[in-house]
Amino acid sequence: MRPFLRAAALLVLLAAAGAVSGCGVTAVPDGALVTHDGDTVEISAEARAAGPRFAAGVAAGDRAWILAALSRARPEAASLIREVDGLVEIRTDLHDRGDAIGLTEAGPQGIVVSFDIARLNGTAALQRDTVVLHEFGHVVDFALVPEALGATLDAGIPTGGPCTSPGDALGACAQPAERFADTFAKWALRGAVSAAGAGYAIAGPASLEDWGAPLAALAVSRSVR
């Protein structure tokens, strides 16, 4: 289920990621972000060429490690990220959102990816790559992945095992959007993450290469348009 892939005039919450889950909603005005056929997002040539924007106040050092994390994505994942990153504004002002250290929110005006910089420059510094790519996995899912493909990819992620706290939202009870984003990060980093991924305790597929093959094909199809 991907309830955020509907009606561009409505706020759509993509989801949170971090050491454990979290969420939040911020209202935005109508604007330029529109869905295509009610499923994926229409991306202009200008947005495709723009690259991610950083909000005022993001420190140069933080820009550097965020961009470095994005640069570590495998080529196929990097190609998908380049398709969507021009829609994104990156902020480092996330706080007081439960245990989340990353949050992706979207509305018609655009997409905001926020990070809890205090924790990612501190106790969660080793999670930087995974958290950044998890959040951009949400953007790829929202903007590029058709619902049918999303269902196929979700079917390739193991289920079962216990639901874990907080709120029984982790492990076997994690939402499909989190399952995709967590596995996207693992695939993008060629498995070079902890078993917990971005903290949702989601088991990886038997073969990340097989799981990600449809995404690699999607990247090729987008690049030859």
C-alpha atoms as a PDB file:
ATOM      1  CA  MET A   1       0.000   0.000   0.000  1.00  0.00           C
ATOM      2  CA  ARG A   2       1.385   3.408  -0.976  1.00  0.00           C
ATOM      3  CA  PRO A   3      -1.215   5.921   0.222  1.00  0.00           C
ATOM      4  CA  PHE A   4       1.054   8.920  -0.394  1.00  0.00           C
ATOM      5  CA  LEU A   5       1.059   8.455  -4.179  1.00  0.00           C
ATOM      6  CA  ARG A   6      -2.179  10.274  -4.821  1.00  0.00           C
ATOM      7  CA  ALA A   7      -3.688  13.762  -5.532  1.00  0.00           C
ATOM      8  CA  ALA A   8      -0.962  16.330  -5.914  1.00  0.00           C
ATOM      9  CA  ALA A   9      -2.976  19.026  -4.151  1.00  0.00           C
ATOM     10  CA  LEU A  10      -2.901  17.020  -0.929  1.00  0.00           C
ATOM     11  CA  LEU A  11      -0.053  16.740   1.488  1.00  0.00           C
ATOM     12  CA  VAL A  12       1.668  13.384   1.178  1.00  0.00           C
ATOM     13  CA  LEU A  13       3.777  11.933   3.913  1.00  0.00           C
ATOM     14  CA  LEU A  14       6.552   9.729   2.639  1.00  0.00           C
ATOM     15  CA  ALA A  15       7.729   8.452   6.029  1.00  0.00           C
ATOM     16  CA  ALA A  16      10.564   8.658   8.480  1.00  0.00           C
ATOM     17  CA  ALA A  17      13.749   6.710   8.891  1.00  0.00           C
ATOM     18  CA  GLY A  18      16.411   6.497  11.519  1.00  0.00           C
ATOM     19  CA  ALA A  19      17.599   4.471  14.437  1.00  0.00           C
ATOM     20  CA  VAL A  20      13.940   3.658  14.910  1.00  0.00           C
ATOM     21  CA  SER A  21      10.840   4.914  13.172  1.00  0.00           C
ATOM     22  CA  GLY A  22       9.117   8.265  13.460  1.00  0.00           C
ATOM     23  CA  CYS A  23       6.785  10.392  11.427  1.00  0.00           C
ATOM     24  CA  GLY A  24       5.331  13.845  10.996  1.00  0.00           C
ATOM     25  CA  VAL A  25       3.317  16.021   8.670  1.00  0.00           C
ATOM     26  CA  THR A  26       3.865  19.616   7.582  1.00  0.00           C
ATOM     27  CA  ALA A  27       1.264  21.428   5.478  1.00  0.00           C
ATOM     28  CA  VAL A  28       2.461  23.044   2.262  1.00  0.00           C
ATOM     29  CA  PRO A  29       0.716  25.193  -0.358  1.00  0.00           C
ATOM     30  CA  ASP A  30      -0.222  24.090  -3.850  1.00  0.00           C
ATOM     31  CA  GLY A  31       2.697  24.344  -6.234  1.00  0.00           C
ATOM     32  CA  ALA A  32       4.849  22.603  -8.766  1.00  0.00           C
ATOM     33  CA  LEU A  33       4.984  18.985  -7.570  1.00  0.00           C
ATOM     34  CA  VAL A  34       2.435  17.005  -9.566  1.00  0.00           C
ATOM     35  CA  THR A  35       1.784  13.315  -9.921  1.00  0.00           C
ATOM     36  CA  HIS A  36       1.710  11.527 -13.254  1.00  0.00           C
ATOM     37  CA  ASP A  37      -1.331   9.290 -13.713  1.00  0.00           C
ATOM     38  CA  GLY A  38      -1.887   9.486  -9.939  1.00  0.00           C
ATOM     39  CA  ASP A  39       1.106   7.243  -9.329  1.00  0.00           C
ATOM     40  CA  THR A  40       4.556   8.638 -10.092  1.00  0.00           C
ATOM     41  CA  VAL A  41       5.770  12.237 -10.271  1.00  0.00           C
ATOM     42  CA  GLU A  42       6.172  14.314 -13.388  1.00  0.00           C
ATOM     43  CA  ILE A  43       9.778  15.541 -13.441  1.00  0.00           C
ATOM     44  CA  SER A  44      10.752  18.401 -15.723  1.00  0.00           C
ATOM     45  CA  ALA A  45      14.067  18.527 -17.571  1.00  0.00           C
ATOM     46  CA  GLU A  46      14.959  21.511 -15.406  1.00  0.00           C
ATOM     47  CA  ALA A  47      14.337  19.606 -12.182  1.00  0.00           C
ATOM     48  CA  ARG A  48      16.197  16.578 -13.510  1.00  0.00           C
ATOM     49  CA  ALA A  49      19.270  18.712 -14.162  1.00  0.00           C
ATOM     50  CA  ALA A  50      19.126  20.736 -10.960  1.00  0.00           C
ATOM     51  CA  GLY A  51      20.489  18.418  -8.284  1.00  0.00           C
ATOM     52  CA  PRO A  52      19.532  18.616  -4.611  1.00  0.00           C
ATOM     53  CA  ARG A  53      19.168  21.969  -2.876  1.00  0.00           C
ATOM     54  CA  PHE A  54      20.370  22.678   0.635  1.00  0.00           C
ATOM     55  CA  ALA A  55      18.385  24.912   2.928  1.00  0.00           C
ATOM     56  CA  ALA A  56      20.040  28.040   4.236  1.00  0.00           C
ATOM     57  CA  GLY A  57      21.994  27.267   7.362  1.00  0.00           C
ATOM     58  CA  VAL A  58      23.203  23.789   6.384  1.00  0.00           C
ATOM     59  CA  ALA A  59      26.885  23.811   7.295  1.00  0.00           C
ATOM     60  CA  ALA A  60      29.474  23.194   4.598  1.00  0.00           C
ATOM     61  CA  GLY A  61      30.798  20.151   6.445  1.00  0.00           C
ATOM     62  CA  ASP A  62      27.348  18.617   6.639  1.00  0.00           C
ATOM     63  CA  ARG A  63      26.737  19.275   2.947  1.00  0.00           C
ATOM     64  CA  ALA A  64      29.988  17.445   2.254  1.00  0.00           C
ATOM     65  CA  TRP A  65      29.130  14.227   4.087  1.00  0.00           C
ATOM     66  CA  ILE A  66      25.558  14.145   2.767  1.00  0.00           C
ATOM     67  CA  LEU A  67      26.817  14.472  -0.815  1.00  0.00           C
ATOM     68  CA  ALA A  68      29.526  11.900  -0.063  1.00  0.00           C
ATOM     69  CA  ALA A  69      26.860   9.467   1.157  1.00  0.00           C
ATOM     70  CA  LEU A  70      24.907   9.944  -2.072  1.00  0.00           C
ATOM     71  CA  SER A  71      28.067   9.400  -4.100  1.00  0.00           C
ATOM     72  CA  ARG A  72      28.523   5.934  -2.578  1.00  0.00           C
ATOM     73  CA  ALA A  73      25.355   4.600  -4.205  1.00  0.00           C
ATOM     74  CA  ARG A  74      25.898   1.965  -6.873  1.00  0.00           C
ATOM     75  CA  PRO A  75      25.583   3.367 -10.432  1.00  0.00           C
ATOM     76  CA  GLU A  76      22.036   2.115 -11.013  1.00  0.00           C
ATOM     77  CA  ALA A  77      20.814   3.609  -7.728  1.00  0.00           C
ATOM     78  CA  ALA A  78      22.745   6.812  -8.377  1.00  0.00           C
ATOM     79  CA  SER A  79      21.024   7.112 -11.755  1.00  0.00           C
ATOM     80  CA  LEU A  80      17.607   6.881 -10.112  1.00  0.00           C
ATOM     81  CA  ILE A  81      18.602   9.393  -7.444  1.00  0.00           C
ATOM     82  CA  ARG A  82      19.794  11.846 -10.108  1.00  0.00           C
ATOM     83  CA  GLU A  83      16.331  11.629 -11.682  1.00  0.00           C
ATOM     84  CA  VAL A  84      14.665  12.863  -8.497  1.00  0.00           C
ATOM     85  CA  ASP A  85      17.181  14.865  -6.475  1.00  0.00           C
ATOM     86  CA  GLY A  86      16.249  18.124  -8.185  1.00  0.00           C
ATOM     87  CA  LEU A  87      12.876  17.872  -6.434  1.00  0.00           C
ATOM     88  CA  VAL A  88      14.524  17.789  -3.018  1.00  0.00           C
ATOM     89  CA  GLU A  89      15.511  20.368  -0.433  1.00  0.00           C
ATOM     90  CA  ILE A  90      17.822  18.987   2.252  1.00  0.00           C
ATOM     91  CA  ARG A  91      17.592  20.305   5.804  1.00  0.00           C
ATOM     92  CA  THR A  92      19.499  19.510   8.977  1.00  0.00           C
ATOM     93  CA  ASP A  93      17.002  20.846  11.503  1.00  0.00           C
ATOM     94  CA  LEU A  94      15.178  17.647  12.457  1.00  0.00           C
ATOM     95  CA  HIS A  95      14.573  17.373  16.180  1.00  0.00           C
ATOM     96  CA  ASP A  96      11.808  16.490  18.600  1.00  0.00           C
ATOM     97  CA  ARG A  97      10.359  13.927  16.173  1.00  0.00           C
ATOM     98  CA  GLY A  98      10.568  10.921  18.424  1.00  0.00           C
ATOM     99  CA  ASP A  99      13.524   8.689  17.628  1.00  0.00           C
ATOM    100  CA  ALA A 100      13.677   9.523  13.917  1.00  0.00           C
ATOM    101  CA  ILE A 101      17.025  10.740  12.606  1.00  0.00           C
ATOM    102  CA  GLY A 102      15.783  11.179   9.050  1.00  0.00           C
ATOM    103  CA  LEU A 103      12.447  12.300   7.669  1.00  0.00           C
ATOM    104  CA  THR A 104      11.091  12.694   4.142  1.00  0.00           C
ATOM    105  CA  GLU A 105       7.976  14.782   3.559  1.00  0.00           C
ATOM    106  CA  ALA A 106       6.355  15.924   0.346  1.00  0.00           C
ATOM    107  CA  GLY A 107       3.633  18.206  -0.873  1.00  0.00           C
ATOM    108  CA  PRO A 108       2.831  19.968  -4.141  1.00  0.00           C
ATOM    109  CA  GLN A 109       5.603  22.482  -3.534  1.00  0.00           C
ATOM    110  CA  GLY A 110       8.341  19.873  -3.393  1.00  0.00           C
ATOM    111  CA  ILE A 111      10.068  17.297  -1.231  1.00  0.00           C
ATOM    112  CA  VAL A 112      11.972  17.972   1.975  1.00  0.00           C
ATOM    113  CA  VAL A 113      14.506  15.529   3.399  1.00  0.00           C
ATOM    114  CA  SER A 114      15.494  16.429   6.962  1.00  0.00           C
ATOM    115  CA  PHE A 115      18.213  14.988   9.170  1.00  0.00           C
ATOM    116  CA  ASP A 116      18.894  15.127  12.896  1.00  0.00           C
ATOM    117  CA  ILE A 117      22.359  16.548  12.522  1.00  0.00           C
ATOM    118  CA  ALA A 118      23.224  16.370  16.212  1.00  0.00           C
ATOM    119  CA  ARG A 119      22.870  12.605  16.213  1.00  0.00           C
ATOM    120  CA  LEU A 120      24.339  12.035  12.749  1.00  0.00           C
ATOM    121  CA  ASN A 121      27.387  14.032  13.788  1.00  0.00           C
ATOM    122  CA  GLY A 122      27.474  12.128  17.072  1.00  0.00           C
ATOM    123  CA  THR A 123      26.299   8.720  18.169  1.00  0.00           C
ATOM    124  CA  ALA A 124      24.744   7.841  14.783  1.00  0.00           C
ATOM    125  CA  ALA A 125      27.674   8.965  12.617  1.00  0.00           C
ATOM    126  CA  LEU A 126      28.276   5.409  11.395  1.00  0.00           C
ATOM    127  CA  GLN A 127      24.707   5.305  10.026  1.00  0.00           C
ATOM    128  CA  ARG A 128      25.090   8.342   7.767  1.00  0.00           C
ATOM    129  CA  ASP A 129      25.298   6.526   4.423  1.00  0.00           C
ATOM    130  CA  THR A 130      22.418   4.195   5.230  1.00  0.00           C
ATOM    131  CA  VAL A 131      20.144   6.936   6.556  1.00  0.00           C
ATOM    132  CA  VAL A 132      20.813   9.281   3.612  1.00  0.00           C
ATOM    133  CA  LEU A 133      20.171   6.558   1.051  1.00  0.00           C
ATOM    134  CA  HIS A 134      17.111   5.325   2.953  1.00  0.00           C
ATOM    135  CA  GLU A 135      15.583   8.802   2.740  1.00  0.00           C
ATOM    136  CA  PHE A 136      16.393   9.159  -0.949  1.00  0.00           C
ATOM    137  CA  GLY A 137      14.931   5.677  -1.395  1.00  0.00           C
ATOM    138  CA  HIS A 138      11.643   7.190  -0.238  1.00  0.00           C
ATOM    139  CA  VAL A 139      11.985   9.887  -2.902  1.00  0.00           C
ATOM    140  CA  VAL A 140      12.731   7.322  -5.625  1.00  0.00           C
ATOM    141  CA  ASP A 141       9.757   5.242  -4.480  1.00  0.00           C
ATOM    142  CA  PHE A 142       7.425   8.234  -4.432  1.00  0.00           C
ATOM    143  CA  ALA A 143       8.537   9.790  -7.694  1.00  0.00           C
ATOM    144  CA  LEU A 144       9.550   6.916  -9.966  1.00  0.00           C
ATOM    145  CA  VAL A 145       8.294   3.511  -8.839  1.00  0.00           C
ATOM    146  CA  PRO A 146       4.865   2.550 -10.225  1.00  0.00           C
ATOM    147  CA  GLU A 147       2.539   0.883  -7.764  1.00  0.00           C
ATOM    148  CA  ALA A 148       2.693  -2.495  -9.496  1.00  0.00           C
ATOM    149  CA  LEU A 149       6.497  -2.506  -9.421  1.00  0.00           C
ATOM    150  CA  GLY A 150       6.415  -1.442  -5.783  1.00  0.00           C
ATOM    151  CA  ALA A 151       4.244  -4.442  -4.962  1.00  0.00           C
ATOM    152  CA  THR A 152       6.621  -6.775  -6.801  1.00  0.00           C
ATOM    153  CA  LEU A 153       9.616  -5.369  -4.937  1.00  0.00           C
ATOM    154  CA  ASP A 154       7.830  -5.628  -1.599  1.00  0.00           C
ATOM    155  CA  ALA A 155       7.041  -9.271  -2.298  1.00  0.00           C
ATOM    156  CA  GLY A 156      10.777  -9.902  -2.604  1.00  0.00           C
ATOM    157  CA  ILE A 157      11.525  -8.628   0.910  1.00  0.00           C
ATOM    158  CA  PRO A 158      11.234 -11.277   3.637  1.00  0.00           C
ATOM    159  CA  THR A 159       8.336 -11.122   6.061  1.00  0.00           C
ATOM    160  CA  GLY A 160       7.764 -12.889   9.321  1.00  0.00           C
ATOM    161  CA  GLY A 161       9.532 -12.649  12.613  1.00  0.00           C
ATOM    162  CA  PRO A 162       8.479 -10.467  15.511  1.00  0.00           C
ATOM    163  CA  CYS A 163       7.098  -6.963  15.446  1.00  0.00           C
ATOM    164  CA  THR A 164       9.337  -4.777  17.550  1.00  0.00           C
ATOM    165  CA  SER A 165       8.936  -1.479  19.362  1.00  0.00           C
ATOM    166  CA  PRO A 166       8.347   1.407  19.335  1.00  0.00           C
ATOM    167  CA  GLY A 167       4.687   1.007  18.572  1.00  0.00           C
ATOM    168  CA  ASP A 168       5.179  -2.423  16.984  1.00  0.00           C
ATOM    169  CA  ALA A 169       6.145  -0.555  13.780  1.00  0.00           C
ATOM    170  CA  LEU A 170       9.453  -2.306  13.130  1.00  0.00           C
ATOM    171  CA  GLY A 171      10.484  -5.740  11.945  1.00  0.00           C
ATOM    172  CA  ALA A 172       7.571  -7.721  10.544  1.00  0.00           C
ATOM    173  CA  CYS A 173       5.200  -4.793  11.130  1.00  0.00           C
ATOM    174  CA  ALA A 174       7.198  -2.191   9.183  1.00  0.00           C
ATOM    175  CA  GLN A 175       5.165  -0.393   6.531  1.00  0.00           C
ATOM    176  CA  PRO A 176       5.810  -1.148   2.820  1.00  0.00           C
ATOM    177  CA  ALA A 177       7.330   2.302   2.275  1.00  0.00           C
ATOM    178  CA  GLU A 178       9.905   1.617   4.989  1.00  0.00           C
ATOM    179  CA  ARG A 179      10.560  -1.875   3.667  1.00  0.00           C
ATOM    180  CA  PHE A 180      11.316  -0.413   0.244  1.00  0.00           C
ATOM    181  CA  ALA A 181      13.501   2.438   1.505  1.00  0.00           C
ATOM    182  CA  ASP A 182      15.474   0.202   3.851  1.00  0.00           C
ATOM    183  CA  THR A 183      16.108  -2.388   1.146  1.00  0.00           C
ATOM    184  CA  PHE A 184      16.886   0.308  -1.424  1.00  0.00           C
ATOM    185  CA  ALA A 185      19.653   1.575   0.879  1.00  0.00           C
ATOM    186  CA  LYS A 186      21.043  -1.949   1.255  1.00  0.00           C
ATOM    187  CA  TRP A 187      20.941  -2.476  -2.513  1.00  0.00           C
ATOM    188  CA  ALA A 188      22.443   0.954  -3.233  1.00  0.00           C
ATOM    189  CA  LEU A 189      25.340   0.224  -0.871  1.00  0.00           C
ATOM    190  CA  ARG A 190      25.759  -3.351  -2.183  1.00  0.00           C
ATOM    191  CA  GLY A 191      24.890  -4.751   1.220  1.00  0.00           C
ATOM    192  CA  ALA A 192      27.513  -2.724   3.081  1.00  0.00           C
ATOM    193  CA  VAL A 193      25.152  -1.894   5.953  1.00  0.00           C
ATOM    194  CA  SER A 194      24.230  -3.458   9.246  1.00  0.00           C
ATOM    195  CA  ALA A 195      21.537  -6.118   9.321  1.00  0.00           C
ATOM    196  CA  ALA A 196      19.218  -3.512  10.843  1.00  0.00           C
ATOM    197  CA  GLY A 197      19.620  -1.172   7.873  1.00  0.00           C
ATOM    198  CA  ALA A 198      18.320   2.257   8.884  1.00  0.00           C
ATOM    199  CA  GLY A 199      16.838   0.820  12.038  1.00  0.00           C
ATOM    200  CA  TYR A 200      13.652  -0.893  10.923  1.00  0.00           C
ATOM    201  CA  ALA A 201      14.954  -4.428  11.577  1.00  0.00           C
ATOM    202  CA  ILE A 202      13.881  -5.548   8.110  1.00  0.00           C
ATOM    203  CA  ALA A 203      15.546  -8.671   6.771  1.00  0.00           C
ATOM    204  CA  GLY A 204      17.282  -8.379   3.439  1.00  0.00           C
ATOM    205  CA  PRO A 205      16.245 -10.414   0.383  1.00  0.00           C
ATOM    206  CA  ALA A 206      18.166 -13.584  -0.398  1.00  0.00           C
ATOM    207  CA  SER A 207      19.879 -11.759  -3.274  1.00  0.00           C
ATOM    208  CA  LEU A 208      20.098  -7.973  -3.345  1.00  0.00           C
ATOM    209  CA  GLU A 209      21.165  -8.214  -6.988  1.00  0.00           C
ATOM    210  CA  ASP A 210      18.018 -10.104  -7.965  1.00  0.00           C
ATOM    211  CA  TRP A 211      15.810  -7.838  -5.862  1.00  0.00           C
ATOM    212  CA  GLY A 212      17.275  -4.696  -7.416  1.00  0.00           C
ATOM    213  CA  ALA A 213      17.233  -5.935 -11.022  1.00  0.00           C
ATOM    214  CA  PRO A 214      13.861  -4.253 -11.760  1.00  0.00           C
ATOM    215  CA  LEU A 215      15.221  -0.989 -10.361  1.00  0.00           C
ATOM    216  CA  ALA A 216      18.312  -1.311 -12.548  1.00  0.00           C
ATOM    217  CA  ALA A 217      16.012  -1.818 -15.540  1.00  0.00           C
ATOM    218  CA  LEU A 218      13.997   1.226 -14.491  1.00  0.00           C
ATOM    219  CA  ALA A 219      17.203   3.266 -14.329  1.00  0.00           C
ATOM    220  CA  VAL A 220      18.089   2.217 -17.877  1.00  0.00           C
ATOM    221  CA  SER A 221      14.610   3.011 -19.168  1.00  0.00           C
ATOM    222  CA  ARG A 222      14.734   6.477 -17.594  1.00  0.00           C
ATOM    223  CA  SER A 223      18.197   7.209 -18.980  1.00  0.00           C
ATOM    224  CA  VAL A 224      17.243   6.477 -22.589  1.00  0.00           C
ATOM    225  CA  ARG A 225      14.117   8.633 -22.679  1.00  0.00           C
END
